[in-house]
Amino acid sequence: MGVSHKGAISLGLLYIPVGLYTTTRDNDIRFNQLCKDTKERVRYKKYCPSCNKEVKSDEIIKGYEYESGKYVIMTQEELEKIKTKKDKTIHIIQFVNLPEIDQIYYEKNYYAIPETGAEKAFELLRTAMLSEDKVALAKTVIGTKENLIVLYPTEEGIIAKTLFYHDEINAMPKQIPKVELNEAEITMAKTLLSSLTKPFDPTAYKDEYQERLRDAIMQKIRGEEIVAVDTSEPSNVIDLMEALQKTLAMSNQQKTGTA
């Protein structure tokens, strides 16, 4: 696994060189776009209309359009020049109680891995945050963006979670109207939640649709017809209590293994 970003966690005089590594990988099946007539793969070319030629990657530079058709060119060297010392480190701004950060702000996760020789300082920070139930709020520049980051301690290490800024979060498209619930409905819903509650085991779950998609692809390769697995439509919920009771009964049947 290649490092996504190299920097150093900075807290006062504490300086901990780390690398950030992606925590996830994409296992989804990818489809290529093909010409409907020839079944050949559609190609996309980077083309300059003035030069009347395809442009190679090493011939492309960064430009900002400040007026229609007018660009100011920014070289990689110039972009690096405007980075301060703080920009080049993951500098901690403050510590926060984790529940104070709304889940909507979280963007991506990275493993923060200390460089050789920085393990003790890294472990000291991890242990202190974990024992105090705190996370660190930090900033660093990755590429051309200053990222807001949460350093989240775990039993194994530290996860760096990038955050969206407040002005990047869309407001709710519409307000959800408030409705009245009676005690019987609330009690039944709590009973349903309780019946379906168990410890979280991430290994118990997998992308079942992707498995069916792979099977369907193999069927097509073998020249077989794809058969619909389920064509039934969900029924509209008319009576809330009846729906809760039936769902609870289904849950209990699944637990006992009865039909």
Protein backbone atom coordinates (compact mmCIF):
# COMPACT_ATOMS: atom_id res chain seq x y z
CA MET A 1 0.00 0.00 0.00
CA GLY A 2 1.49 3.33 -1.07
CA VAL A 3 1.55 6.38 1.18
CA SER A 4 -1.07 9.00 0.25
CA HIS A 5 0.53 11.90 2.11
CA LYS A 6 3.68 12.46 4.14
CA GLY A 7 3.86 15.00 6.92
CA ALA A 8 4.34 15.31 10.66
CA ILE A 9 1.93 15.68 13.56
CA SER A 10 2.90 18.92 15.29
CA LEU A 11 1.87 19.88 18.84
CA GLY A 12 3.96 22.69 20.31
CA LEU A 13 7.52 21.31 20.33
CA LEU A 14 6.27 17.77 19.80
CA TYR A 15 7.03 16.70 16.21
CA ILE A 16 5.96 13.25 14.98
CA PRO A 17 6.75 12.37 11.32
CA VAL A 18 3.93 10.22 9.90
CA GLY A 19 2.58 8.89 6.64
CA LEU A 20 -1.14 8.77 5.83
CA TYR A 21 -2.37 5.56 4.19
CA THR A 22 -5.86 4.89 2.83
CA THR A 23 -8.00 2.68 5.06
CA THR A 24 -10.26 1.23 2.36
CA ARG A 25 -10.14 -0.20 -1.16
CA ASP A 26 -12.70 -0.31 -3.95
CA ASN A 27 -13.79 -3.87 -4.81
CA ASP A 28 -16.71 -2.88 -7.05
CA ILE A 29 -17.03 -4.22 -10.58
CA ARG A 30 -16.25 -1.52 -13.17
CA PHE A 31 -17.84 -1.35 -16.60
CA ASN A 32 -16.11 0.12 -19.65
CA GLN A 33 -18.06 2.35 -22.03
CA LEU A 34 -18.41 0.72 -25.47
CA CYS A 35 -19.67 1.91 -28.85
CA LYS A 36 -23.19 0.52 -29.31
CA ASP A 37 -22.50 -0.45 -32.95
CA THR A 38 -18.94 -1.83 -32.91
CA LYS A 39 -18.71 -2.88 -29.24
CA GLU A 40 -15.26 -1.25 -29.15
CA ARG A 41 -14.14 0.68 -26.09
CA VAL A 42 -14.74 4.43 -26.25
CA ARG A 43 -11.49 6.39 -25.86
CA TYR A 44 -11.14 9.84 -24.35
CA LYS A 45 -8.34 12.09 -25.57
CA LYS A 46 -7.01 15.32 -24.07
CA TYR A 47 -7.09 17.57 -27.11
CA CYS A 48 -5.89 21.14 -27.80
CA PRO A 49 -8.04 22.78 -30.54
CA SER A 50 -5.38 25.43 -31.35
CA CYS A 51 -2.54 22.91 -31.73
CA ASN A 52 -4.93 20.45 -33.38
CA LYS A 53 -3.31 17.57 -31.52
CA GLU A 54 -3.65 15.25 -28.56
CA VAL A 55 -1.90 16.65 -25.46
CA LYS A 56 0.26 14.34 -23.32
CA SER A 57 0.22 14.46 -19.52
CA ASP A 58 3.67 16.09 -19.28
CA GLU A 59 2.45 18.88 -21.59
CA ILE A 60 -0.43 19.90 -19.30
CA ILE A 61 -0.07 22.77 -16.80
CA LYS A 62 -2.44 24.28 -14.20
CA GLY A 63 -4.35 27.44 -15.10
CA TYR A 64 -7.01 29.46 -13.25
CA GLU A 65 -9.66 31.17 -15.42
CA TYR A 66 -10.05 34.68 -13.94
CA GLU A 67 -11.98 36.00 -16.97
CA SER A 68 -13.66 34.21 -19.84
CA GLY A 69 -10.85 32.69 -21.93
CA LYS A 70 -8.10 34.28 -19.78
CA TYR A 71 -5.94 32.14 -17.49
CA VAL A 72 -3.19 32.72 -14.95
CA ILE A 73 -0.67 29.88 -14.88
CA MET A 74 0.44 28.38 -11.54
CA THR A 75 3.48 26.07 -11.54
CA GLN A 76 4.02 23.35 -8.94
CA GLU A 77 7.02 25.30 -7.64
CA GLU A 78 4.84 28.41 -7.12
CA LEU A 79 2.18 26.35 -5.33
CA GLU A 80 4.84 25.00 -2.96
CA LYS A 81 6.23 28.52 -2.30
CA ILE A 82 2.99 29.73 -0.72
CA LYS A 83 2.90 26.83 1.76
CA THR A 84 3.90 27.86 5.28
CA LYS A 85 5.76 25.62 7.71
CA LYS A 86 2.40 24.84 9.36
CA ASP A 87 0.90 23.86 5.99
CA LYS A 88 3.53 21.15 5.64
CA THR A 89 2.70 19.62 9.04
CA ILE A 90 -0.46 18.17 10.56
CA HIS A 91 -0.57 20.86 13.23
CA ILE A 92 -2.96 20.26 16.11
CA ILE A 93 -5.24 23.24 16.83
CA GLN A 94 -7.13 21.88 19.84
CA PHE A 95 -8.57 18.76 21.45
CA VAL A 96 -12.28 17.92 21.29
CA ASN A 97 -14.75 15.48 22.80
CA LEU A 98 -15.63 13.14 19.90
CA PRO A 99 -19.46 13.37 20.28
CA GLU A 100 -19.22 17.14 19.62
CA ILE A 101 -18.33 16.51 15.95
CA ASP A 102 -21.41 15.78 13.83
CA GLN A 103 -21.03 12.70 11.62
CA ILE A 104 -22.04 14.73 8.55
CA TYR A 105 -18.62 16.45 8.56
CA TYR A 106 -16.57 13.27 8.07
CA GLU A 107 -15.12 12.74 4.58
CA LYS A 108 -12.24 10.22 4.30
CA ASN A 109 -10.21 8.01 6.65
CA TYR A 110 -6.44 7.39 6.66
CA TYR A 111 -4.14 5.30 8.83
CA ALA A 112 -1.57 7.58 10.46
CA ILE A 113 1.66 5.56 10.63
CA PRO A 114 4.71 6.94 12.45
CA GLU A 115 8.06 7.05 10.68
CA THR A 116 10.96 5.05 12.14
CA GLY A 117 12.18 6.74 15.33
CA ALA A 118 8.88 8.56 15.99
CA GLU A 119 7.05 5.61 17.54
CA LYS A 120 7.43 6.69 21.20
CA ALA A 121 6.09 10.23 20.68
CA PHE A 122 3.27 8.78 18.55
CA GLU A 123 2.38 6.25 21.26
CA LEU A 124 2.44 8.95 23.96
CA LEU A 125 -0.06 11.07 22.00
CA ARG A 126 -2.28 8.05 21.23
CA THR A 127 -2.32 6.84 24.84
CA ALA A 128 -3.06 10.30 26.27
CA MET A 129 -5.96 10.93 23.87
CA LEU A 130 -7.42 7.47 24.38
CA SER A 131 -7.28 7.68 28.17
CA GLU A 132 -8.91 11.13 28.17
CA ASP A 133 -11.53 10.23 25.51
CA LYS A 134 -10.32 13.10 23.31
CA VAL A 135 -9.64 13.54 19.61
CA ALA A 136 -7.29 16.13 18.11
CA LEU A 137 -8.51 18.73 15.63
CA ALA A 138 -5.72 19.56 13.18
CA LYS A 139 -5.01 21.18 9.80
CA THR A 140 -2.68 20.35 6.93
CA VAL A 141 -2.41 21.09 3.22
CA ILE A 142 -2.82 18.07 0.92
CA GLY A 143 -2.38 19.00 -2.74
CA THR A 144 -3.96 22.44 -3.15
CA LYS A 145 -6.45 22.22 -0.28
CA GLU A 146 -6.05 22.90 3.43
CA ASN A 147 -7.75 19.96 5.10
CA LEU A 148 -9.41 19.98 8.49
CA ILE A 149 -8.50 16.67 10.16
CA VAL A 150 -9.53 14.74 13.26
CA LEU A 151 -6.85 12.50 14.75
CA TYR A 152 -8.83 9.66 16.30
CA PRO A 153 -7.05 7.28 18.72
CA THR A 154 -7.83 3.54 18.59
CA GLU A 155 -6.46 0.53 20.46
CA GLU A 156 -4.12 -0.15 17.51
CA GLY A 157 -3.11 3.33 16.37
CA ILE A 158 -4.47 6.66 15.14
CA ILE A 159 -6.97 7.24 12.32
CA ALA A 160 -6.78 10.58 10.51
CA LYS A 161 -10.28 11.59 9.43
CA THR A 162 -10.59 14.47 6.97
CA LEU A 163 -13.59 16.74 7.50
CA PHE A 164 -15.76 18.86 5.24
CA TYR A 165 -15.79 22.55 6.12
CA HIS A 166 -19.07 23.98 7.37
CA ASP A 167 -19.64 25.93 4.13
CA GLU A 168 -19.33 22.67 2.15
CA ILE A 169 -22.33 21.10 3.90
CA ASN A 170 -25.66 21.52 2.12
CA ALA A 171 -28.67 22.52 4.17
CA MET A 172 -31.50 19.99 4.38
CA PRO A 173 -33.58 20.33 1.19
CA LYS A 174 -36.79 20.54 3.21
CA GLN A 175 -37.85 20.49 6.83
CA ILE A 176 -39.30 17.22 8.12
CA PRO A 177 -42.70 17.94 9.63
CA LYS A 178 -43.10 17.09 13.32
CA VAL A 179 -45.63 14.37 14.04
CA GLU A 180 -47.18 13.10 17.25
CA LEU A 181 -46.32 9.59 18.46
CA ASN A 182 -48.24 7.73 21.13
CA GLU A 183 -46.61 5.68 23.89
CA ALA A 184 -47.73 2.34 22.42
CA GLU A 185 -45.97 3.11 19.11
CA ILE A 186 -42.78 4.20 20.87
CA THR A 187 -42.79 1.11 23.12
CA MET A 188 -43.31 -1.21 20.14
CA ALA A 189 -40.50 0.51 18.17
CA LYS A 190 -38.14 0.17 21.16
CA THR A 191 -39.02 -3.52 21.45
CA LEU A 192 -38.23 -3.98 17.76
CA LEU A 193 -34.87 -2.21 18.16
CA SER A 194 -34.04 -4.34 21.19
CA SER A 195 -34.88 -7.57 19.35
CA LEU A 196 -32.52 -6.65 16.49
CA THR A 197 -29.65 -5.40 18.66
CA LYS A 198 -26.42 -7.40 18.78
CA PRO A 199 -22.66 -6.69 18.77
CA PHE A 200 -21.30 -5.25 15.51
CA ASP A 201 -19.23 -7.72 13.49
CA PRO A 202 -17.95 -6.12 10.25
CA THR A 203 -16.89 -9.53 8.85
CA ALA A 204 -20.52 -10.66 8.85
CA TYR A 205 -21.44 -8.31 6.00
CA LYS A 206 -20.56 -8.28 2.31
CA ASP A 207 -21.83 -6.69 -0.89
CA GLU A 208 -24.43 -9.27 -1.97
CA TYR A 209 -25.42 -7.31 -5.08
CA GLN A 210 -21.82 -7.39 -6.34
CA GLU A 211 -21.84 -11.19 -5.92
CA ARG A 212 -25.05 -11.44 -7.96
CA LEU A 213 -23.54 -9.08 -10.54
CA ARG A 214 -20.45 -11.30 -10.90
CA ASP A 215 -22.70 -14.37 -11.27
CA ALA A 216 -24.78 -12.55 -13.90
CA ILE A 217 -21.65 -11.62 -15.86
CA MET A 218 -20.51 -15.25 -15.82
CA GLN A 219 -23.98 -16.32 -16.97
CA LYS A 220 -23.75 -13.91 -19.92
CA ILE A 221 -20.27 -15.21 -20.78
CA ARG A 222 -21.69 -18.75 -20.85
CA GLY A 223 -24.55 -17.54 -23.07
CA GLU A 224 -27.22 -18.03 -20.42
CA GLU A 225 -30.25 -15.79 -19.85
CA ILE A 226 -30.40 -13.51 -16.80
CA VAL A 227 -33.44 -14.39 -14.67
CA ALA A 228 -34.98 -11.83 -12.29
CA VAL A 229 -34.42 -12.87 -8.65
CA ASP A 230 -37.28 -10.82 -7.14
CA THR A 231 -40.05 -8.90 -8.89
CA SER A 232 -42.31 -8.27 -5.92
CA GLU A 233 -43.15 -4.68 -4.98
CA PRO A 234 -43.12 -3.45 -1.36
CA SER A 235 -46.58 -2.73 -0.04
CA ASN A 236 -47.56 0.68 1.31
CA VAL A 237 -47.58 0.95 5.10
CA ILE A 238 -51.16 1.73 6.11
CA ASP A 239 -51.23 0.86 9.80
CA LEU A 240 -48.02 1.73 11.66
CA MET A 241 -48.66 -0.51 14.68
CA GLU A 242 -49.59 -3.46 12.46
CA ALA A 243 -46.37 -2.97 10.46
CA LEU A 244 -44.29 -2.85 13.68
CA GLN A 245 -45.96 -5.97 15.07
CA LYS A 246 -45.44 -7.94 11.86
CA THR A 247 -41.80 -6.82 11.64
CA LEU A 248 -41.21 -7.84 15.26
CA ALA A 249 -42.82 -11.23 14.59
CA MET A 250 -40.55 -11.73 11.55
CA SER A 251 -37.53 -10.82 13.69
CA ASN A 252 -38.48 -13.36 16.35
CA GLN A 253 -39.01 -16.05 13.70
CA GLN A 254 -35.53 -15.40 12.29
CA LYS A 255 -34.05 -15.72 15.79
CA THR A 256 -35.80 -19.01 16.53
CA GLY A 257 -35.37 -20.36 13.00
CA THR A 258 -39.11 -20.97 12.54
CA ALA A 259 -40.92 -20.20 9.30
